[in-house]
N, C-alpha and C. Protein backbone atom coordinates (compact mmCIF):
# COMPACT_ATOMS: atom_id res chain seq x y z
N MET A 1 15.47 12.77 -15.79
CA MET A 1 15.00 13.69 -14.54
C MET A 1 16.03 14.30 -13.79
N ASP A 2 15.55 15.47 -13.73
CA ASP A 2 16.61 16.37 -13.29
C ASP A 2 16.74 16.65 -11.84
N ASN A 3 15.62 17.25 -11.32
CA ASN A 3 15.52 17.32 -9.95
C ASN A 3 14.07 17.20 -9.14
N SER A 4 13.27 16.21 -9.90
CA SER A 4 11.92 15.83 -9.71
C SER A 4 11.76 14.63 -9.05
N SER A 5 10.86 14.78 -8.18
CA SER A 5 10.60 13.50 -7.42
C SER A 5 9.26 12.93 -7.46
N ALA A 6 8.81 11.72 -7.01
CA ALA A 6 7.32 11.04 -7.32
C ALA A 6 7.34 10.57 -6.10
N SER A 7 5.82 10.16 -6.13
CA SER A 7 5.52 9.41 -4.77
C SER A 7 4.31 8.76 -5.12
N TRP A 8 4.06 7.71 -4.59
CA TRP A 8 2.92 6.76 -4.49
C TRP A 8 2.38 6.51 -3.18
N ALA A 9 0.80 5.90 -3.12
CA ALA A 9 -0.03 6.21 -1.91
C ALA A 9 -1.49 5.21 -2.27
N PRO A 10 -1.92 4.56 -1.74
CA PRO A 10 -3.30 4.00 -2.07
C PRO A 10 -4.31 5.01 -2.69
N ARG A 11 -5.08 4.89 -3.73
CA ARG A 11 -6.13 5.55 -4.37
C ARG A 11 -6.91 6.25 -3.40
N PRO A 12 -7.22 7.33 -3.35
CA PRO A 12 -8.02 7.98 -2.28
C PRO A 12 -9.77 7.53 -2.56
N ALA A 13 -10.00 7.10 -3.89
CA ALA A 13 -11.42 6.41 -3.99
C ALA A 13 -11.57 5.21 -3.27
N LEU A 14 -10.35 4.53 -3.36
CA LEU A 14 -10.54 3.10 -3.07
C LEU A 14 -10.28 3.10 -1.30
N VAL A 15 -9.77 4.23 -0.58
CA VAL A 15 -10.00 4.34 0.78
C VAL A 15 -11.29 4.65 1.33
N ALA A 16 -11.74 5.48 0.40
CA ALA A 16 -13.27 5.81 0.72
C ALA A 16 -13.89 5.00 0.70
N VAL A 17 -13.97 3.82 -0.23
CA VAL A 17 -15.04 2.83 -0.55
C VAL A 17 -14.71 2.05 0.70
N GLY A 18 -13.48 1.89 1.08
CA GLY A 18 -13.48 1.13 2.35
C GLY A 18 -14.06 1.38 3.38
N LEU A 19 -14.13 2.73 3.83
CA LEU A 19 -14.68 3.32 4.89
C LEU A 19 -16.07 3.16 4.75
N LEU A 20 -16.49 3.56 3.55
CA LEU A 20 -18.08 3.38 3.16
C LEU A 20 -18.37 2.00 3.61
N GLY A 21 -17.81 0.75 3.12
CA GLY A 21 -17.93 -0.68 3.41
C GLY A 21 -17.86 -0.96 4.68
N ALA A 22 -17.28 -0.33 5.80
CA ALA A 22 -17.06 -0.62 7.49
C ALA A 22 -18.04 0.29 7.67
N LEU A 23 -18.78 1.12 7.17
CA LEU A 23 -19.83 1.64 7.34
C LEU A 23 -21.27 0.91 7.37
N VAL A 24 -20.92 0.37 6.26
CA VAL A 24 -22.56 -0.50 5.98
C VAL A 24 -22.18 -1.75 6.69
N ALA A 25 -21.11 -2.22 6.99
CA ALA A 25 -20.74 -3.42 7.89
C ALA A 25 -21.23 -3.22 9.06
N LEU A 26 -20.78 -2.13 9.45
CA LEU A 26 -21.03 -1.50 11.23
C LEU A 26 -22.87 -1.56 11.18
N ALA A 27 -23.53 -1.09 10.20
CA ALA A 27 -24.84 -1.31 10.31
C ALA A 27 -25.20 -2.61 10.13
N GLY A 28 -24.77 -3.07 9.38
CA GLY A 28 -25.37 -4.99 9.74
C GLY A 28 -25.13 -5.74 10.89
N VAL A 29 -24.12 -5.17 11.85
CA VAL A 29 -23.79 -5.59 13.28
C VAL A 29 -25.15 -5.54 13.78
N PHE A 30 -25.93 -4.23 13.47
CA PHE A 30 -27.19 -3.73 14.47
C PHE A 30 -28.38 -4.51 13.92
N LEU A 31 -28.69 -4.56 12.55
CA LEU A 31 -29.50 -5.01 12.05
C LEU A 31 -29.81 -6.56 11.59
N TYR A 32 -28.67 -7.09 11.65
CA TYR A 32 -28.41 -8.73 11.99
C TYR A 32 -28.89 -9.49 12.93
N ASP A 33 -29.89 -10.20 12.71
CA ASP A 33 -30.50 -10.78 14.41
C ASP A 33 -29.80 -12.10 14.91
N ASP A 34 -29.13 -12.75 13.75
CA ASP A 34 -28.50 -13.91 14.15
C ASP A 34 -27.05 -13.60 14.90
N LYS A 35 -26.75 -14.15 15.79
CA LYS A 35 -25.27 -13.73 16.00
C LYS A 35 -23.93 -13.84 15.41
N LEU A 36 -24.14 -15.31 14.73
CA LEU A 36 -23.05 -15.47 14.13
C LEU A 36 -22.91 -14.49 12.54
N GLY A 37 -23.58 -13.79 12.43
CA GLY A 37 -23.94 -12.90 11.15
C GLY A 37 -23.38 -11.45 12.36
N GLU A 38 -23.96 -11.13 13.38
CA GLU A 38 -23.47 -9.78 13.74
C GLU A 38 -22.02 -10.19 14.33
N VAL A 39 -21.10 -11.10 14.68
CA VAL A 39 -19.99 -11.63 14.53
C VAL A 39 -19.31 -11.29 13.31
N PHE A 40 -19.66 -11.93 12.39
CA PHE A 40 -19.24 -11.77 10.88
C PHE A 40 -19.19 -10.48 10.45
N PHE A 41 -20.13 -9.57 10.75
CA PHE A 41 -20.24 -8.15 10.34
C PHE A 41 -19.20 -7.34 11.04
N GLY A 42 -18.82 -7.61 12.22
CA GLY A 42 -18.34 -6.91 13.42
C GLY A 42 -16.78 -7.18 12.51
N VAL A 43 -16.36 -8.66 12.23
CA VAL A 43 -15.07 -8.45 12.09
C VAL A 43 -14.94 -8.24 10.68
N VAL A 44 -15.92 -7.95 9.77
CA VAL A 44 -15.50 -7.30 8.61
C VAL A 44 -15.25 -5.57 8.60
N THR A 45 -16.12 -5.00 9.62
CA THR A 45 -16.26 -3.55 10.03
C THR A 45 -14.89 -3.41 10.40
N VAL A 46 -14.34 -4.08 11.45
CA VAL A 46 -12.90 -3.93 11.97
C VAL A 46 -11.76 -4.30 10.97
N VAL A 47 -11.81 -5.24 9.95
CA VAL A 47 -10.96 -5.46 8.98
C VAL A 47 -10.90 -3.97 8.02
N LEU A 48 -12.17 -3.97 7.33
CA LEU A 48 -12.26 -2.52 6.56
C LEU A 48 -11.79 -1.15 7.17
N ALA A 49 -12.24 -1.02 8.42
CA ALA A 49 -11.69 -0.06 9.27
C ALA A 49 -10.13 0.36 9.26
N VAL A 50 -9.66 -0.73 9.90
CA VAL A 50 -8.08 -0.73 10.13
C VAL A 50 -7.24 -0.70 8.49
N LEU A 51 -7.98 -1.27 7.55
CA LEU A 51 -7.21 -1.27 6.26
C LEU A 51 -7.39 0.27 5.86
N SER A 52 -8.57 0.72 5.91
CA SER A 52 -8.74 2.13 5.53
C SER A 52 -7.83 3.58 6.00
N ALA A 53 -7.80 2.92 7.53
CA ALA A 53 -6.91 4.08 8.11
C ALA A 53 -5.73 4.00 8.01
N HIS A 54 -5.08 2.91 7.85
CA HIS A 54 -3.75 2.85 6.98
C HIS A 54 -3.65 3.57 5.93
N GLY A 55 -4.17 2.93 5.05
CA GLY A 55 -4.44 4.03 3.97
C GLY A 55 -4.45 5.48 3.87
N LEU A 56 -5.16 5.76 5.34
CA LEU A 56 -5.38 7.20 5.32
C LEU A 56 -4.02 7.93 5.96
N LEU A 57 -3.34 6.67 7.17
CA LEU A 57 -2.16 7.59 7.86
C LEU A 57 -0.75 7.33 7.22
N VAL A 58 -0.79 6.57 6.46
CA VAL A 58 0.67 6.39 5.73
C VAL A 58 0.77 6.90 4.49
N ARG A 59 0.21 7.90 4.15
CA ARG A 59 0.17 8.70 2.66
C ARG A 59 1.71 9.60 3.07
N PRO A 60 2.40 9.92 1.92
CA PRO A 60 2.41 8.60 0.72
C PRO A 60 2.96 7.35 1.16
N ARG A 61 2.86 6.40 0.74
CA ARG A 61 3.50 5.18 0.88
C ARG A 61 4.89 5.09 0.65
N LEU A 62 5.42 5.67 -0.67
CA LEU A 62 6.73 5.50 -1.09
C LEU A 62 7.01 6.57 -1.89
N THR A 63 8.02 7.59 -1.62
CA THR A 63 8.63 8.76 -2.15
C THR A 63 9.81 8.20 -2.60
N ALA A 64 10.53 8.96 -3.97
CA ALA A 64 11.83 8.78 -4.75
C ALA A 64 12.14 10.09 -5.18
N ASP A 65 13.59 10.45 -4.60
CA ASP A 65 13.89 11.39 -5.39
C ASP A 65 15.48 11.41 -5.60
N ILE A 66 16.09 12.43 -6.11
CA ILE A 66 17.64 12.21 -6.37
C ILE A 66 18.14 11.60 -5.40
N ASP A 67 17.96 12.30 -4.46
CA ASP A 67 18.86 11.63 -2.87
C ASP A 67 18.55 10.20 -2.79
N GLY A 68 17.13 9.41 -2.82
CA GLY A 68 17.00 8.23 -2.44
C GLY A 68 15.47 8.05 -2.12
N LEU A 69 15.21 7.10 -1.37
CA LEU A 69 13.68 6.66 -1.35
C LEU A 69 13.26 6.86 0.16
N ARG A 70 11.94 7.05 0.41
CA ARG A 70 11.30 7.17 1.83
C ARG A 70 10.09 6.50 2.01
N VAL A 71 10.39 5.62 2.52
CA VAL A 71 9.04 4.64 2.69
C VAL A 71 8.53 5.15 4.19
N ARG A 72 6.79 5.24 3.99
CA ARG A 72 5.85 5.46 5.42
C ARG A 72 5.68 4.21 6.15
N THR A 73 5.94 4.10 7.03
CA THR A 73 5.10 2.88 7.77
C THR A 73 4.23 3.39 8.98
N LEU A 74 3.77 2.38 9.63
CA LEU A 74 3.21 3.02 11.00
C LEU A 74 3.86 3.54 12.13
N HIS A 75 5.08 3.22 11.89
CA HIS A 75 6.50 3.45 13.08
C HIS A 75 7.09 4.44 12.59
N GLY A 76 6.50 5.13 11.42
CA GLY A 76 7.39 6.53 10.96
C GLY A 76 8.00 6.60 9.81
N GLU A 77 8.45 7.06 9.38
CA GLU A 77 9.24 7.36 8.12
C GLU A 77 10.53 6.78 7.97
N GLN A 78 10.69 6.14 7.01
CA GLN A 78 12.38 5.54 6.71
C GLN A 78 13.24 6.15 5.76
N ARG A 79 14.42 6.49 5.65
CA ARG A 79 15.15 6.96 4.31
C ARG A 79 15.92 6.13 4.27
N PHE A 80 16.42 5.96 2.57
CA PHE A 80 17.58 4.95 2.11
C PHE A 80 18.13 5.69 1.01
N SER A 81 19.48 5.82 1.12
CA SER A 81 20.19 6.53 -0.26
C SER A 81 20.23 5.39 -1.13
N TRP A 82 20.29 5.96 -2.68
CA TRP A 82 20.03 5.09 -3.51
C TRP A 82 21.39 3.69 -3.39
N PRO A 83 22.28 4.08 -3.01
CA PRO A 83 23.28 2.79 -2.90
C PRO A 83 23.05 1.80 -1.88
N GLU A 84 22.15 2.26 -0.83
CA GLU A 84 21.49 1.29 -0.05
C GLU A 84 20.39 0.53 -0.14
N ALA A 85 19.77 1.08 -1.07
CA ALA A 85 18.51 0.50 -1.59
C ALA A 85 18.36 -0.29 -2.91
N HIS A 86 17.63 -1.28 -2.94
CA HIS A 86 17.93 -2.38 -4.21
C HIS A 86 16.52 -2.56 -4.27
N THR A 87 15.85 -2.38 -5.60
CA THR A 87 14.75 -2.65 -6.14
C THR A 87 14.58 -3.77 -7.04
N SER A 88 13.77 -4.45 -6.90
CA SER A 88 13.35 -5.40 -7.81
C SER A 88 11.91 -5.40 -8.07
N LEU A 89 11.53 -6.35 -9.49
CA LEU A 89 9.96 -6.73 -9.69
C LEU A 89 9.65 -7.98 -9.23
N ARG A 90 8.77 -8.73 -8.62
CA ARG A 90 8.37 -9.87 -8.77
C ARG A 90 7.06 -10.34 -9.22
N SER A 91 7.21 -11.28 -9.94
CA SER A 91 5.84 -11.58 -10.66
C SER A 91 5.84 -13.39 -10.38
N THR A 92 4.34 -13.33 -9.88
CA THR A 92 4.25 -14.59 -9.55
C THR A 92 2.58 -15.11 -10.42
N LYS A 93 2.08 -16.27 -10.75
CA LYS A 93 1.26 -16.68 -11.01
C LYS A 93 0.51 -17.04 -10.02
N ARG A 94 -0.63 -17.00 -9.85
CA ARG A 94 -1.62 -17.66 -9.15
C ARG A 94 -2.84 -18.06 -9.17
N MET A 95 -3.47 -18.80 -9.41
CA MET A 95 -4.81 -19.26 -9.80
C MET A 95 -5.32 -18.72 -11.20
N GLY A 96 -4.21 -18.79 -11.95
CA GLY A 96 -4.17 -18.42 -13.34
C GLY A 96 -4.08 -16.60 -13.53
N ARG A 97 -3.48 -16.09 -12.43
CA ARG A 97 -3.34 -14.61 -12.60
C ARG A 97 -2.38 -14.16 -12.28
N ASP A 98 -1.84 -13.10 -13.17
CA ASP A 98 -0.12 -12.60 -12.85
C ASP A 98 -0.41 -11.62 -11.85
N SER A 99 0.37 -11.85 -10.96
CA SER A 99 0.49 -10.76 -9.84
C SER A 99 2.10 -10.04 -9.83
N LYS A 100 2.27 -8.90 -9.70
CA LYS A 100 3.35 -8.31 -9.97
C LYS A 100 3.65 -7.49 -8.13
N THR A 101 4.58 -7.55 -7.83
CA THR A 101 5.06 -6.66 -6.54
C THR A 101 6.22 -6.44 -6.64
N LEU A 102 6.34 -4.58 -6.15
CA LEU A 102 7.88 -4.19 -5.90
C LEU A 102 8.28 -4.63 -4.96
N GLU A 103 9.39 -5.19 -4.67
CA GLU A 103 10.31 -5.01 -3.72
C GLU A 103 11.70 -4.40 -3.32
N ILE A 104 11.67 -3.54 -2.25
CA ILE A 104 12.79 -2.62 -2.15
C ILE A 104 13.52 -3.32 -0.56
N SER A 105 14.72 -3.63 -0.67
CA SER A 105 15.63 -4.21 0.05
C SER A 105 16.63 -3.15 0.43
N ALA A 106 16.86 -2.73 1.80
CA ALA A 106 17.78 -1.90 2.42
C ALA A 106 18.14 -2.53 3.54
N GLY A 107 19.36 -3.37 3.64
CA GLY A 107 19.96 -3.51 4.88
C GLY A 107 19.49 -4.76 5.03
N GLU A 108 18.80 -5.00 6.59
CA GLU A 108 17.92 -5.81 6.82
C GLU A 108 16.38 -5.83 6.96
N GLN A 109 16.20 -4.90 5.94
CA GLN A 109 14.79 -4.51 5.80
C GLN A 109 14.15 -5.04 4.43
N LEU A 110 13.09 -5.52 4.22
CA LEU A 110 12.31 -5.72 2.99
C LEU A 110 11.00 -5.22 2.83
N PHE A 111 10.80 -4.50 1.77
CA PHE A 111 9.58 -3.39 1.82
C PHE A 111 8.82 -4.57 0.53
N VAL A 112 7.32 -4.84 0.33
CA VAL A 112 6.58 -5.29 -0.35
C VAL A 112 5.59 -4.75 -0.66
N PHE A 113 5.34 -3.90 -2.04
CA PHE A 113 4.22 -3.46 -2.26
C PHE A 113 3.54 -3.58 -3.47
N GLY A 114 2.23 -3.73 -3.48
CA GLY A 114 1.58 -3.98 -4.50
C GLY A 114 0.80 -2.76 -5.20
N TRP A 115 -0.01 -3.48 -5.94
CA TRP A 115 -0.72 -2.10 -6.66
C TRP A 115 -1.69 -1.60 -5.80
N LEU A 116 -2.36 -2.25 -4.75
CA LEU A 116 -3.24 -1.49 -3.84
C LEU A 116 -2.40 -0.17 -2.89
N GLU A 117 -1.17 -0.73 -2.66
CA GLU A 117 -0.30 0.58 -1.73
C GLU A 117 0.08 1.46 -2.53
N LEU A 118 0.20 1.17 -3.68
CA LEU A 118 1.06 2.23 -4.41
C LEU A 118 0.18 3.07 -5.18
N GLY A 119 -0.90 2.40 -5.63
CA GLY A 119 -1.84 3.06 -6.50
C GLY A 119 -1.33 3.28 -7.90
N ALA A 120 -0.21 2.28 -8.22
CA ALA A 120 -0.31 2.27 -9.58
C ALA A 120 0.56 0.85 -9.90
N ASP A 121 0.47 0.53 -10.86
CA ASP A 121 1.46 -0.46 -11.34
C ASP A 121 2.56 -0.86 -11.15
N PRO A 122 3.26 -1.66 -10.30
CA PRO A 122 4.58 -1.67 -9.63
C PRO A 122 5.73 -1.68 -10.82
N LEU A 123 5.39 -2.41 -11.85
CA LEU A 123 6.23 -2.02 -13.20
C LEU A 123 6.36 -0.34 -13.30
N ASP A 124 5.36 0.17 -13.54
CA ASP A 124 5.40 1.66 -13.65
C ASP A 124 6.39 2.46 -12.66
N VAL A 125 6.21 1.76 -11.39
CA VAL A 125 6.75 2.49 -10.18
C VAL A 125 8.50 2.29 -10.51
N LEU A 126 8.60 0.82 -10.89
CA LEU A 126 10.02 0.57 -10.91
C LEU A 126 10.63 1.24 -12.00
N ASP A 127 9.86 1.66 -13.05
CA ASP A 127 10.34 2.16 -14.29
C ASP A 127 10.70 3.60 -13.87
N THR A 128 10.10 4.36 -12.89
CA THR A 128 10.12 5.66 -12.45
C THR A 128 11.18 5.94 -11.55
N LEU A 129 11.60 4.79 -10.72
CA LEU A 129 12.70 4.63 -9.82
C LEU A 129 13.95 4.36 -10.61
N SER A 130 13.90 3.79 -11.51
CA SER A 130 15.13 3.55 -12.22
C SER A 130 15.53 4.90 -13.05
N ALA A 131 14.75 5.79 -13.20
CA ALA A 131 14.76 6.96 -14.11
C ALA A 131 15.43 7.93 -13.05
N LEU A 132 14.90 7.99 -11.71
CA LEU A 132 15.56 9.08 -10.49
C LEU A 132 16.43 8.47 -10.05
N ARG A 133 17.17 7.24 -10.18
CA ARG A 133 18.50 6.70 -9.75
C ARG A 133 19.30 7.39 -10.72
N PRO A 134 20.50 7.77 -9.39
CA PRO A 134 21.39 8.58 -10.26
C PRO A 134 22.23 7.50 -10.60
């Protein structure tokens, strides 16, 4: 790849489903008569709203170009040149399912991305990062 760049973020449809789920859970808080049910729906509302807001605020989550990587977090954007960024793929098997995560380490920091945060298979993202790395 000559002078291109790539970026990854949670899928917009997934964020929209999370927001819709938060609204449904919020309705459950007011429609449920049992106190335990109200607390349960309240917790679900907060969790879905926070996760969906995170998916909206830190877009794109990972960006790569010929100069290096940029990772967006709630604390801002962090830039790393290719020589200081080390990428790897970790595969784990849990309860009979294979799970892949992309790990990016730079200095003292470690970023771990799954398919939910990237909106793509971590193996495909690693292939693209390898192609962009000079």
